[in-house]
Amino acid sequence: MAEGIIYILINEAMPGYTKVGKTTTTVEQRMRELDSTGVPLPFECFYAARVENMDFVERRLHDAFGDHRVRLRREFFNVAPERVQSALLLAALEDVTPKEEVVETADDQAALDRARTMQSKFNFGMVQIAPGSTLTFTKDPSITATVVDNKKIEFEGETTSLSTAALTVVQRMGYEWKQVSGPQYWEFEGETLSERRNRMEAAD
């Protein structure tokens, strides 16, 4: 029974997919190992936790989301990362999510930021969410925002964008991220806006 880390990774080049794996080193080292020439963009850590028995926990998570698995013997799942986080919290001993971006060069950071900007080109009409609807923040459901129009939300009394509001919240939580893709961090009726968008686009 080995203590270790279970990580939940996302990648802007792979929208809709979540990687769930384990490591006995650090999340940062594992992310650098995964950033090979075969991957267009660096991975981002949505959540990582130290657990008492990493083999058992990883196996149970893979079983729990097995019907969403992209390929056998691959750790990628077509599921929103906060779903996996909710399950992982049951076994978490310590939150070890990196507080800073894990990138090697300024060029890596620039590429990641460009991809986030593209993913953020989102409007509420494409996911059938009307003005006045309430959104909740995935990392803390007590934090809410209200849809104002097709592109803007009201957050803490100000009209702003999904990404700006999400970045404000994660930075308050201690993360030193410079940019985030807002639709991945706001939820409506039990699914993230990114998840809702992917589902609706797949149905078309």
N, C-alpha and C. Protein backbone atom coordinates (compact mmCIF):
# COMPACT_ATOMS: atom_id res chain seq x y z
N MET A 1 0.86 -1.19 0.00
CA MET A 1 0.00 0.00 0.00
C MET A 1 0.89 1.24 0.00
N ALA A 2 1.07 1.86 -1.17
CA ALA A 2 1.98 2.98 -1.32
C ALA A 2 1.24 4.31 -1.33
N GLU A 3 1.70 5.22 -0.47
CA GLU A 3 1.16 6.57 -0.51
C GLU A 3 1.71 7.27 -1.75
N GLY A 4 0.89 8.10 -2.35
CA GLY A 4 1.34 8.81 -3.54
C GLY A 4 0.33 9.86 -3.94
N ILE A 5 0.45 10.33 -5.16
CA ILE A 5 -0.38 11.44 -5.65
C ILE A 5 -1.25 10.97 -6.82
N ILE A 6 -2.51 11.32 -6.76
CA ILE A 6 -3.43 11.14 -7.89
C ILE A 6 -3.64 12.52 -8.50
N TYR A 7 -3.45 12.62 -9.81
CA TYR A 7 -3.60 13.92 -10.48
C TYR A 7 -4.71 13.87 -11.52
N ILE A 8 -5.31 15.03 -11.73
CA ILE A 8 -6.34 15.21 -12.75
C ILE A 8 -5.84 16.31 -13.68
N LEU A 9 -5.53 15.94 -14.91
CA LEU A 9 -4.96 16.89 -15.86
C LEU A 9 -5.92 17.17 -17.00
N ILE A 10 -5.83 18.38 -17.52
CA ILE A 10 -6.57 18.78 -18.70
C ILE A 10 -5.59 19.38 -19.69
N ASN A 11 -6.01 19.49 -20.94
CA ASN A 11 -5.13 20.03 -21.96
C ASN A 11 -5.98 20.80 -22.96
N GLU A 12 -5.61 22.05 -23.22
CA GLU A 12 -6.39 22.89 -24.12
C GLU A 12 -6.43 22.31 -25.54
N ALA A 13 -5.46 21.48 -25.89
CA ALA A 13 -5.45 20.85 -27.21
C ALA A 13 -6.38 19.64 -27.28
N MET A 14 -6.93 19.24 -26.12
CA MET A 14 -7.80 18.06 -26.05
C MET A 14 -9.08 18.41 -25.30
N PRO A 15 -9.87 19.35 -25.80
CA PRO A 15 -11.08 19.76 -25.08
C PRO A 15 -12.03 18.60 -24.86
N GLY A 16 -12.56 18.51 -23.65
CA GLY A 16 -13.51 17.45 -23.32
C GLY A 16 -12.87 16.23 -22.69
N TYR A 17 -11.52 16.15 -22.73
CA TYR A 17 -10.84 14.99 -22.19
C TYR A 17 -10.12 15.32 -20.88
N THR A 18 -10.12 14.36 -19.98
CA THR A 18 -9.46 14.50 -18.68
C THR A 18 -8.54 13.30 -18.47
N LYS A 19 -7.31 13.58 -18.03
CA LYS A 19 -6.35 12.51 -17.76
C LYS A 19 -6.27 12.28 -16.25
N VAL A 20 -6.41 11.04 -15.84
CA VAL A 20 -6.38 10.68 -14.42
C VAL A 20 -5.25 9.66 -14.21
N GLY A 21 -4.25 10.05 -13.44
CA GLY A 21 -3.12 9.17 -13.24
C GLY A 21 -2.53 9.29 -11.85
N LYS A 22 -1.35 8.68 -11.66
CA LYS A 22 -0.72 8.66 -10.34
C LYS A 22 0.78 8.89 -10.49
N THR A 23 1.41 9.32 -9.40
CA THR A 23 2.85 9.48 -9.39
C THR A 23 3.36 9.40 -7.96
N THR A 24 4.59 8.95 -7.81
CA THR A 24 5.23 8.92 -6.49
C THR A 24 6.20 10.09 -6.33
N THR A 25 6.35 10.91 -7.39
CA THR A 25 7.27 12.04 -7.31
C THR A 25 6.48 13.31 -7.02
N THR A 26 6.40 14.21 -7.97
CA THR A 26 5.60 15.42 -7.82
C THR A 26 4.73 15.59 -9.05
N VAL A 27 3.67 16.34 -8.91
CA VAL A 27 2.79 16.60 -10.05
C VAL A 27 3.56 17.38 -11.12
N GLU A 28 4.36 18.35 -10.68
CA GLU A 28 5.12 19.16 -11.62
C GLU A 28 6.06 18.30 -12.47
N GLN A 29 6.77 17.36 -11.83
CA GLN A 29 7.67 16.49 -12.57
C GLN A 29 6.91 15.63 -13.56
N ARG A 30 5.78 15.08 -13.12
CA ARG A 30 4.99 14.23 -14.01
C ARG A 30 4.46 15.02 -15.20
N MET A 31 4.05 16.27 -14.99
CA MET A 31 3.54 17.09 -16.09
C MET A 31 4.65 17.39 -17.09
N ARG A 32 5.86 17.60 -16.59
CA ARG A 32 6.99 17.85 -17.50
C ARG A 32 7.31 16.60 -18.31
N GLU A 33 7.19 15.44 -17.68
CA GLU A 33 7.43 14.18 -18.39
C GLU A 33 6.41 13.98 -19.52
N LEU A 34 5.19 14.40 -19.28
CA LEU A 34 4.12 14.23 -20.26
C LEU A 34 4.19 15.24 -21.40
N ASP A 35 4.93 16.32 -21.19
CA ASP A 35 5.02 17.38 -22.20
C ASP A 35 6.05 17.01 -23.26
N SER A 36 5.71 16.02 -24.06
CA SER A 36 6.61 15.49 -25.08
C SER A 36 6.31 16.14 -26.43
N THR A 37 7.11 15.77 -27.42
CA THR A 37 6.91 16.32 -28.77
C THR A 37 5.60 15.85 -29.39
N GLY A 38 4.99 14.82 -28.81
CA GLY A 38 3.72 14.32 -29.35
C GLY A 38 2.50 15.04 -28.80
N VAL A 39 2.72 16.02 -27.90
CA VAL A 39 1.61 16.75 -27.29
C VAL A 39 1.72 18.22 -27.70
N PRO A 40 0.69 18.78 -28.35
CA PRO A 40 0.79 20.15 -28.85
C PRO A 40 0.97 21.22 -27.77
N LEU A 41 0.34 21.02 -26.62
CA LEU A 41 0.36 22.02 -25.55
C LEU A 41 0.67 21.38 -24.21
N PRO A 42 1.22 22.14 -23.27
CA PRO A 42 1.47 21.60 -21.93
C PRO A 42 0.15 21.22 -21.25
N PHE A 43 0.22 20.22 -20.39
CA PHE A 43 -0.93 19.86 -19.57
C PHE A 43 -1.11 20.89 -18.45
N GLU A 44 -2.35 20.99 -17.97
CA GLU A 44 -2.65 21.82 -16.81
C GLU A 44 -3.23 20.91 -15.73
N CYS A 45 -2.88 21.19 -14.50
CA CYS A 45 -3.39 20.37 -13.40
C CYS A 45 -4.66 21.00 -12.86
N PHE A 46 -5.78 20.32 -13.04
CA PHE A 46 -7.05 20.80 -12.50
C PHE A 46 -7.10 20.57 -10.99
N TYR A 47 -6.61 19.41 -10.55
CA TYR A 47 -6.59 19.07 -9.13
C TYR A 47 -5.66 17.88 -8.93
N ALA A 48 -4.98 17.87 -7.80
CA ALA A 48 -4.13 16.73 -7.44
C ALA A 48 -4.17 16.57 -5.93
N ALA A 49 -4.12 15.32 -5.47
CA ALA A 49 -4.20 15.06 -4.04
C ALA A 49 -3.28 13.91 -3.65
N ARG A 50 -2.68 14.05 -2.47
CA ARG A 50 -1.93 12.94 -1.90
C ARG A 50 -2.93 12.00 -1.25
N VAL A 51 -2.76 10.71 -1.50
CA VAL A 51 -3.68 9.70 -0.97
C VAL A 51 -2.89 8.59 -0.29
N GLU A 52 -3.57 7.84 0.53
CA GLU A 52 -2.90 6.80 1.31
C GLU A 52 -2.50 5.60 0.46
N ASN A 53 -3.34 5.23 -0.49
CA ASN A 53 -3.08 4.06 -1.33
C ASN A 53 -3.36 4.45 -2.78
N MET A 54 -2.34 4.95 -3.45
CA MET A 54 -2.57 5.53 -4.79
C MET A 54 -3.00 4.49 -5.81
N ASP A 55 -2.48 3.25 -5.72
CA ASP A 55 -2.88 2.22 -6.68
C ASP A 55 -4.36 1.90 -6.56
N PHE A 56 -4.82 1.77 -5.32
CA PHE A 56 -6.23 1.47 -5.07
C PHE A 56 -7.12 2.61 -5.55
N VAL A 57 -6.75 3.83 -5.19
CA VAL A 57 -7.59 4.99 -5.55
C VAL A 57 -7.63 5.18 -7.06
N GLU A 58 -6.47 5.06 -7.72
CA GLU A 58 -6.46 5.23 -9.17
C GLU A 58 -7.34 4.17 -9.83
N ARG A 59 -7.20 2.93 -9.38
CA ARG A 59 -8.00 1.84 -9.96
C ARG A 59 -9.49 2.09 -9.78
N ARG A 60 -9.88 2.56 -8.60
CA ARG A 60 -11.30 2.82 -8.34
C ARG A 60 -11.82 3.99 -9.19
N LEU A 61 -11.02 5.01 -9.38
CA LEU A 61 -11.43 6.13 -10.22
C LEU A 61 -11.57 5.68 -11.67
N HIS A 62 -10.61 4.88 -12.14
CA HIS A 62 -10.70 4.38 -13.51
C HIS A 62 -11.93 3.49 -13.70
N ASP A 63 -12.26 2.70 -12.67
CA ASP A 63 -13.46 1.87 -12.74
C ASP A 63 -14.72 2.73 -12.74
N ALA A 64 -14.73 3.74 -11.87
CA ALA A 64 -15.92 4.58 -11.72
C ALA A 64 -16.26 5.32 -13.01
N PHE A 65 -15.23 5.73 -13.74
CA PHE A 65 -15.45 6.49 -14.97
C PHE A 65 -15.12 5.65 -16.21
N GLY A 66 -15.13 4.34 -16.04
CA GLY A 66 -14.75 3.43 -17.12
C GLY A 66 -15.59 3.58 -18.37
N ASP A 67 -16.88 3.90 -18.21
CA ASP A 67 -17.73 4.04 -19.39
C ASP A 67 -17.45 5.32 -20.16
N HIS A 68 -16.58 6.18 -19.60
CA HIS A 68 -16.18 7.41 -20.29
C HIS A 68 -14.75 7.32 -20.81
N ARG A 69 -14.13 6.15 -20.67
CA ARG A 69 -12.73 5.99 -21.06
C ARG A 69 -12.59 6.05 -22.58
N VAL A 70 -11.60 6.78 -23.04
CA VAL A 70 -11.43 6.97 -24.48
C VAL A 70 -10.87 5.71 -25.13
N ARG A 71 -9.82 5.12 -24.51
CA ARG A 71 -9.23 3.88 -25.00
C ARG A 71 -8.74 3.06 -23.82
N LEU A 72 -8.80 1.74 -23.97
CA LEU A 72 -8.24 0.87 -22.94
C LEU A 72 -6.73 1.10 -22.86
N ARG A 73 -6.18 0.97 -21.66
CA ARG A 73 -4.76 1.17 -21.39
C ARG A 73 -4.32 2.60 -21.62
N ARG A 74 -5.27 3.52 -21.67
CA ARG A 74 -4.97 4.95 -21.71
C ARG A 74 -5.73 5.60 -20.56
N GLU A 75 -5.15 6.64 -20.00
CA GLU A 75 -5.73 7.27 -18.80
C GLU A 75 -6.59 8.49 -19.15
N PHE A 76 -7.14 8.53 -20.34
CA PHE A 76 -7.96 9.66 -20.77
C PHE A 76 -9.44 9.29 -20.72
N PHE A 77 -10.23 10.24 -20.20
CA PHE A 77 -11.66 10.03 -20.03
C PHE A 77 -12.42 11.22 -20.60
N ASN A 78 -13.52 10.92 -21.25
CA ASN A 78 -14.38 11.98 -21.78
C ASN A 78 -15.37 12.38 -20.68
N VAL A 79 -14.85 13.09 -19.69
CA VAL A 79 -15.64 13.49 -18.53
C VAL A 79 -15.08 14.80 -17.98
N ALA A 80 -15.93 15.61 -17.41
CA ALA A 80 -15.48 16.88 -16.85
C ALA A 80 -14.57 16.65 -15.65
N PRO A 81 -13.49 17.40 -15.52
CA PRO A 81 -12.53 17.16 -14.44
C PRO A 81 -13.11 17.33 -13.04
N GLU A 82 -14.08 18.20 -12.88
CA GLU A 82 -14.64 18.38 -11.53
C GLU A 82 -15.42 17.16 -11.07
N ARG A 83 -15.91 16.32 -12.02
CA ARG A 83 -16.58 15.08 -11.63
C ARG A 83 -15.56 14.14 -10.96
N VAL A 84 -14.39 14.06 -11.57
CA VAL A 84 -13.34 13.20 -11.01
C VAL A 84 -12.86 13.77 -9.68
N GLN A 85 -12.74 15.09 -9.62
CA GLN A 85 -12.30 15.72 -8.38
C GLN A 85 -13.26 15.40 -7.24
N SER A 86 -14.55 15.44 -7.50
CA SER A 86 -15.54 15.16 -6.46
C SER A 86 -15.33 13.76 -5.88
N ALA A 87 -15.01 12.80 -6.74
CA ALA A 87 -14.76 11.44 -6.28
C ALA A 87 -13.42 11.34 -5.54
N LEU A 88 -12.42 12.00 -6.06
CA LEU A 88 -11.08 11.95 -5.45
C LEU A 88 -11.05 12.59 -4.08
N LEU A 89 -11.88 13.58 -3.85
CA LEU A 89 -11.92 14.25 -2.54
C LEU A 89 -12.21 13.27 -1.40
N LEU A 90 -12.91 12.17 -1.72
CA LEU A 90 -13.24 11.19 -0.69
C LEU A 90 -12.01 10.51 -0.12
N ALA A 91 -10.93 10.47 -0.90
CA ALA A 91 -9.71 9.79 -0.46
C ALA A 91 -8.54 10.74 -0.22
N ALA A 92 -8.75 12.02 -0.47
CA ALA A 92 -7.64 12.99 -0.41
C ALA A 92 -7.14 13.21 1.02
N LEU A 93 -5.82 13.15 1.17
CA LEU A 93 -5.19 13.50 2.45
C LEU A 93 -4.70 14.95 2.43
N GLU A 94 -4.29 15.40 1.24
CA GLU A 94 -3.72 16.74 1.11
C GLU A 94 -3.87 17.21 -0.34
N ASP A 95 -4.28 18.45 -0.50
CA ASP A 95 -4.36 19.06 -1.83
C ASP A 95 -2.94 19.47 -2.25
N VAL A 96 -2.45 18.90 -3.35
CA VAL A 96 -1.10 19.22 -3.82
C VAL A 96 -1.14 19.79 -5.24
N THR A 97 -2.27 20.41 -5.61
CA THR A 97 -2.38 21.04 -6.91
C THR A 97 -1.34 22.15 -7.03
N PRO A 98 -0.53 22.15 -8.09
CA PRO A 98 0.46 23.22 -8.25
C PRO A 98 -0.19 24.59 -8.29
N LYS A 99 0.40 25.53 -7.58
CA LYS A 99 -0.14 26.88 -7.53
C LYS A 99 0.35 27.74 -8.70
N GLU A 100 1.41 27.30 -9.35
CA GLU A 100 1.96 28.05 -10.48
C GLU A 100 1.81 27.24 -11.77
N GLU A 101 1.88 27.94 -12.91
CA GLU A 101 1.85 27.27 -14.20
C GLU A 101 3.07 26.35 -14.31
N VAL A 102 2.89 25.19 -14.90
CA VAL A 102 4.01 24.28 -15.11
C VAL A 102 4.36 24.30 -16.60
N VAL A 103 5.19 25.25 -16.97
CA VAL A 103 5.64 25.40 -18.36
C VAL A 103 7.16 25.59 -18.35
N GLU A 104 7.81 25.19 -19.44
CA GLU A 104 9.27 25.24 -19.51
C GLU A 104 9.79 26.56 -20.05
N THR A 105 9.08 27.13 -21.03
CA THR A 105 9.58 28.33 -21.68
C THR A 105 8.48 29.37 -21.84
N ALA A 106 8.90 30.58 -22.19
CA ALA A 106 7.94 31.65 -22.46
C ALA A 106 7.09 31.31 -23.68
N ASP A 107 7.69 30.61 -24.62
CA ASP A 107 6.94 30.20 -25.82
C ASP A 107 5.83 29.22 -25.45
N ASP A 108 6.12 28.29 -24.52
CA ASP A 108 5.10 27.35 -24.04
C ASP A 108 3.94 28.11 -23.41
N GLN A 109 4.27 29.11 -22.59
CA GLN A 109 3.24 29.91 -21.92
C GLN A 109 2.39 30.66 -22.93
N ALA A 110 3.04 31.25 -23.93
CA ALA A 110 2.32 32.01 -24.95
C ALA A 110 1.37 31.11 -25.73
N ALA A 111 1.83 29.91 -26.09
CA ALA A 111 0.98 28.97 -26.82
C ALA A 111 -0.22 28.55 -25.98
N LEU A 112 0.01 28.33 -24.69
CA LEU A 112 -1.07 27.95 -23.80
C LEU A 112 -2.08 29.08 -23.66
N ASP A 113 -1.60 30.29 -23.53
CA ASP A 113 -2.50 31.45 -23.40
C ASP A 113 -3.33 31.66 -24.66
N ARG A 114 -2.71 31.47 -25.83
CA ARG A 114 -3.47 31.61 -27.08
C ARG A 114 -4.59 30.57 -27.17
N ALA A 115 -4.28 29.35 -26.77
CA ALA A 115 -5.28 28.28 -26.81
C ALA A 115 -6.42 28.57 -25.84
N ARG A 116 -6.10 29.09 -24.67
CA ARG A 116 -7.15 29.43 -23.69
C ARG A 116 -8.06 30.51 -24.23
N THR A 117 -7.46 31.48 -24.93
CA THR A 117 -8.26 32.56 -25.51
C THR A 117 -9.22 32.01 -26.55
N MET A 118 -8.75 31.09 -27.38
CA MET A 118 -9.61 30.48 -28.40
C MET A 118 -10.75 29.70 -27.76
N GLN A 119 -10.45 28.93 -26.71
CA GLN A 119 -11.48 28.16 -26.02
C GLN A 119 -12.50 29.06 -25.35
N SER A 120 -12.07 30.27 -24.99
CA SER A 120 -12.95 31.18 -24.28
C SER A 120 -13.92 31.92 -25.20
N LYS A 121 -13.79 31.72 -26.53
CA LYS A 121 -14.73 32.34 -27.45
C LYS A 121 -16.05 31.60 -27.37
N PHE A 122 -16.81 32.00 -26.41
CA PHE A 122 -18.00 31.28 -25.97
C PHE A 122 -19.12 32.28 -25.82
N ASN A 123 -20.33 31.86 -26.12
CA ASN A 123 -21.48 32.71 -25.79
C ASN A 123 -22.60 31.83 -25.25
N PHE A 124 -23.46 32.42 -24.46
CA PHE A 124 -24.49 31.65 -23.77
C PHE A 124 -25.57 31.15 -24.71
N GLY A 125 -25.72 31.80 -25.86
CA GLY A 125 -26.70 31.34 -26.83
C GLY A 125 -26.38 29.94 -27.35
N MET A 126 -25.08 29.65 -27.51
CA MET A 126 -24.69 28.35 -28.06
C MET A 126 -24.98 27.20 -27.11
N VAL A 127 -25.20 27.51 -25.83
CA VAL A 127 -25.52 26.46 -24.85
C VAL A 127 -26.90 26.66 -24.22
N GLN A 128 -27.71 27.52 -24.85
CA GLN A 128 -29.11 27.72 -24.46
C GLN A 128 -29.27 28.09 -22.98
N ILE A 129 -28.48 29.08 -22.56
CA ILE A 129 -28.59 29.60 -21.20
C ILE A 129 -29.06 31.05 -21.29
N ALA A 130 -30.18 31.35 -20.66
CA ALA A 130 -30.81 32.66 -20.77
C ALA A 130 -30.25 33.65 -19.75
N PRO A 131 -30.33 34.95 -20.07
CA PRO A 131 -29.98 35.97 -19.08
C PRO A 131 -30.78 35.78 -17.80
N GLY A 132 -30.13 36.02 -16.67
CA GLY A 132 -30.76 35.82 -15.38
C GLY A 132 -30.45 34.47 -14.76
N SER A 133 -29.87 33.57 -15.55
CA SER A 133 -29.51 32.25 -15.03
C SER A 133 -28.33 32.36 -14.06
N THR A 134 -28.31 31.48 -13.09
CA THR A 134 -27.25 31.47 -12.08
C THR A 134 -26.20 30.41 -12.41
N LEU A 135 -24.94 30.81 -12.33
CA LEU A 135 -23.81 29.90 -12.53
C LEU A 135 -23.12 29.70 -11.19
N THR A 136 -22.52 28.52 -11.01
CA THR A 136 -21.73 28.27 -9.80
C THR A 136 -20.29 27.95 -10.20
N PHE A 137 -19.36 28.27 -9.31
CA PHE A 137 -17.95 28.05 -9.58
C PHE A 137 -17.58 26.61 -9.23
N THR A 138 -16.87 25.93 -10.12
CA THR A 138 -16.64 24.50 -9.95
C THR A 138 -15.82 24.18 -8.70
N LYS A 139 -14.86 25.02 -8.37
CA LYS A 139 -14.00 24.73 -7.22
C LYS A 139 -14.62 25.14 -5.89
N ASP A 140 -15.70 25.90 -5.94
CA ASP A 140 -16.39 26.33 -4.73
C ASP A 140 -17.82 26.72 -5.10
N PRO A 141 -18.78 25.79 -4.99
CA PRO A 141 -20.16 26.04 -5.42
C PRO A 141 -20.86 27.17 -4.67
N SER A 142 -20.28 27.65 -3.56
CA SER A 142 -20.89 28.78 -2.85
C SER A 142 -20.65 30.10 -3.60
N ILE A 143 -19.74 30.08 -4.57
CA ILE A 143 -19.44 31.26 -5.38
C ILE A 143 -20.32 31.21 -6.63
N THR A 144 -21.08 32.26 -6.84
CA THR A 144 -22.03 32.27 -7.96
C THR A 144 -21.87 33.53 -8.81
N ALA A 145 -22.46 33.47 -10.00
CA ALA A 145 -22.52 34.61 -10.91
C ALA A 145 -23.83 34.53 -11.66
N THR A 146 -24.24 35.64 -12.24
CA THR A 146 -25.51 35.70 -12.96
C THR A 146 -25.26 36.09 -14.41
N VAL A 147 -25.89 35.38 -15.34
CA VAL A 147 -25.75 35.69 -16.75
C VAL A 147 -26.46 37.01 -17.05
N VAL A 148 -25.73 37.93 -17.70
CA VAL A 148 -26.29 39.26 -18.02
C VAL A 148 -26.81 39.29 -19.45
N ASP A 149 -25.97 38.86 -20.38
CA ASP A 149 -26.36 38.83 -21.79
C ASP A 149 -25.65 37.65 -22.46
N ASN A 150 -25.51 37.71 -23.76
CA ASN A 150 -24.96 36.56 -24.48
C ASN A 150 -23.50 36.26 -24.14
N LYS A 151 -22.76 37.26 -23.64
CA LYS A 151 -21.33 37.06 -23.40
C LYS A 151 -20.88 37.43 -21.99
N LYS A 152 -21.65 38.18 -21.26
CA LYS A 152 -21.19 38.72 -19.99
C LYS A 152 -21.97 38.14 -18.80
N ILE A 153 -21.32 38.20 -17.64
CA ILE A 153 -21.94 37.79 -16.39
C ILE A 153 -21.80 38.92 -15.37
N GLU A 154 -22.64 38.87 -14.35
CA GLU A 154 -22.48 39.78 -13.22
C GLU A 154 -21.84 38.99 -12.09
N PHE A 155 -20.69 39.48 -11.64
CA PHE A 155 -19.95 38.81 -10.57
C PHE A 155 -19.52 39.86 -9.54
N GLU A 156 -19.99 39.68 -8.32
CA GLU A 156 -19.68 40.60 -7.22
C GLU A 156 -20.01 42.05 -7.58
N GLY A 157 -21.17 42.21 -8.23
CA GLY A 157 -21.68 43.54 -8.54
C GLY A 157 -21.11 44.19 -9.78
N GLU A 158 -20.24 43.49 -10.50
CA GLU A 158 -19.65 44.04 -11.72
C GLU A 158 -19.95 43.16 -12.92
N THR A 159 -20.12 43.79 -14.07
CA THR A 159 -20.32 43.05 -15.31
C THR A 159 -18.96 42.71 -15.89
N THR A 160 -18.73 41.44 -16.15
CA THR A 160 -17.41 41.00 -16.57
C THR A 160 -17.54 39.74 -17.42
N SER A 161 -16.42 39.14 -17.78
CA SER A 161 -16.43 37.91 -18.57
C SER A 161 -16.26 36.69 -17.68
N LEU A 162 -16.58 35.54 -18.22
CA LEU A 162 -16.40 34.28 -17.49
C LEU A 162 -14.94 34.08 -17.08
N SER A 163 -14.03 34.34 -18.01
CA SER A 163 -12.62 34.08 -17.74
C SER A 163 -12.04 35.05 -16.72
N THR A 164 -12.42 36.32 -16.81
CA THR A 164 -11.91 37.31 -15.85
C THR A 164 -12.39 36.99 -14.45
N ALA A 165 -13.66 36.63 -14.32
CA ALA A 165 -14.20 36.29 -13.00
C ALA A 165 -13.55 35.03 -12.45
N ALA A 166 -13.37 34.02 -13.32
CA ALA A 166 -12.74 32.76 -12.88
C ALA A 166 -11.31 32.99 -12.43
N LEU A 167 -10.57 33.83 -13.16
CA LEU A 167 -9.18 34.12 -12.79
C LEU A 167 -9.12 34.84 -11.45
N THR A 168 -10.04 35.74 -11.21
CA THR A 168 -10.11 36.44 -9.92
C THR A 168 -10.27 35.44 -8.79
N VAL A 169 -11.16 34.48 -8.96
CA VAL A 169 -11.44 33.51 -7.90
C VAL A 169 -10.24 32.60 -7.65
N VAL A 170 -9.65 32.04 -8.71
CA VAL A 170 -8.55 31.09 -8.51
C VAL A 170 -7.32 31.79 -7.92
N GLN A 171 -7.12 33.05 -8.28
CA GLN A 171 -5.99 33.78 -7.70
C GLN A 171 -6.22 34.05 -6.21
N ARG A 172 -7.46 34.29 -5.83
CA ARG A 172 -7.78 34.43 -4.40
C ARG A 172 -7.52 33.12 -3.65
N MET A 173 -7.68 32.02 -4.35
CA MET A 173 -7.45 30.71 -3.74
C MET A 173 -5.96 30.39 -3.60
N GLY A 174 -5.13 31.26 -4.15
CA GLY A 174 -3.69 31.08 -4.01
C GLY A 174 -2.97 30.60 -5.26
N TYR A 175 -3.72 30.39 -6.34
CA TYR A 175 -3.08 29.96 -7.58
C TYR A 175 -2.47 31.17 -8.28
N GLU A 176 -1.28 30.98 -8.82
CA GLU A 176 -0.59 32.07 -9.49
C GLU A 176 -0.73 31.99 -11.01
N TRP A 177 -1.84 31.44 -11.45
CA TRP A 177 -2.11 31.32 -12.88
C TRP A 177 -2.33 32.71 -13.46
N LYS A 178 -1.93 32.87 -14.72
CA LYS A 178 -2.06 34.17 -15.39
C LYS A 178 -3.32 34.26 -16.25
N GLN A 179 -3.85 33.11 -16.63
CA GLN A 179 -5.03 33.10 -17.50
C GLN A 179 -5.73 31.76 -17.35
N VAL A 180 -7.06 31.76 -17.44
CA VAL A 180 -7.83 30.52 -17.42
C VAL A 180 -8.91 30.60 -18.49
N SER A 181 -9.43 29.45 -18.86
CA SER A 181 -10.55 29.37 -19.79
C SER A 181 -11.84 29.33 -18.96
N GLY A 182 -12.54 30.43 -18.90
CA GLY A 182 -13.71 30.57 -18.04
C GLY A 182 -14.74 29.47 -18.13
N PRO A 183 -15.12 29.01 -19.34
CA PRO A 183 -16.16 27.98 -19.43
C PRO A 183 -15.83 26.68 -18.71
N GLN A 184 -14.55 26.44 -18.42
CA GLN A 184 -14.19 25.22 -17.69
C GLN A 184 -14.43 25.35 -16.19
N TYR A 185 -14.61 26.59 -15.72
CA TYR A 185 -14.69 26.82 -14.28
C TYR A 185 -16.06 27.27 -13.78
N TRP A 186 -17.00 27.45 -14.70
CA TRP A 186 -18.36 27.81 -14.30
C TRP A 186 -19.32 26.72 -14.70
N GLU A 187 -20.30 26.48 -13.88
CA GLU A 187 -21.21 25.34 -14.05
C GLU A 187 -22.66 25.82 -14.09
N PHE A 188 -23.47 25.09 -14.86
CA PHE A 188 -24.91 25.37 -14.94
C PHE A 188 -25.65 24.04 -15.00
N GLU A 189 -26.60 23.88 -14.11
CA GLU A 189 -27.43 22.67 -14.05
C GLU A 189 -26.58 21.39 -14.02
N GLY A 190 -25.54 21.41 -13.19
CA GLY A 190 -24.78 20.20 -12.95
C GLY A 190 -23.68 19.87 -13.94
N GLU A 191 -23.40 20.74 -14.90
CA GLU A 191 -22.30 20.49 -15.82
C GLU A 191 -21.58 21.80 -16.13
N THR A 192 -20.27 21.70 -16.39
CA THR A 192 -19.54 22.91 -16.72
C THR A 192 -20.04 23.45 -18.06
N LEU A 193 -19.77 24.72 -18.31
CA LEU A 193 -20.18 25.30 -19.58
C LEU A 193 -19.45 24.64 -20.74
N SER A 194 -18.18 24.27 -20.53
CA SER A 194 -17.44 23.55 -21.57
C SER A 194 -18.06 22.19 -21.84
N GLU A 195 -18.42 21.49 -20.78
CA GLU A 195 -19.04 20.18 -20.92
C GLU A 195 -20.39 20.31 -21.64
N ARG A 196 -21.15 21.31 -21.28
CA ARG A 196 -22.46 21.54 -21.91
C ARG A 196 -22.29 21.87 -23.40
N ARG A 197 -21.30 22.69 -23.69
CA ARG A 197 -21.02 23.05 -25.08
C ARG A 197 -20.63 21.81 -25.90
N ASN A 198 -19.71 21.01 -25.35
CA ASN A 198 -19.28 19.80 -26.07
C ASN A 198 -20.44 18.84 -26.30
N ARG A 199 -21.29 18.71 -25.29
CA ARG A 199 -22.44 17.80 -25.41
C ARG A 199 -23.39 18.28 -26.51
N MET A 200 -23.68 19.57 -26.52
CA MET A 200 -24.64 20.10 -27.49
C MET A 200 -24.07 20.08 -28.91
N GLU A 201 -22.76 20.37 -29.03
CA GLU A 201 -22.15 20.34 -30.35
C GLU A 201 -22.09 18.93 -30.90
N ALA A 202 -21.88 17.94 -30.00
CA ALA A 202 -21.83 16.54 -30.44
C ALA A 202 -23.19 16.06 -30.90
N ALA A 203 -24.25 16.65 -30.33
CA ALA A 203 -25.62 16.23 -30.67
C ALA A 203 -26.09 16.81 -31.99
N ASP A 204 -25.41 17.87 -32.46
CA ASP A 204 -25.84 18.52 -33.71
C ASP A 204 -25.50 17.65 -34.94
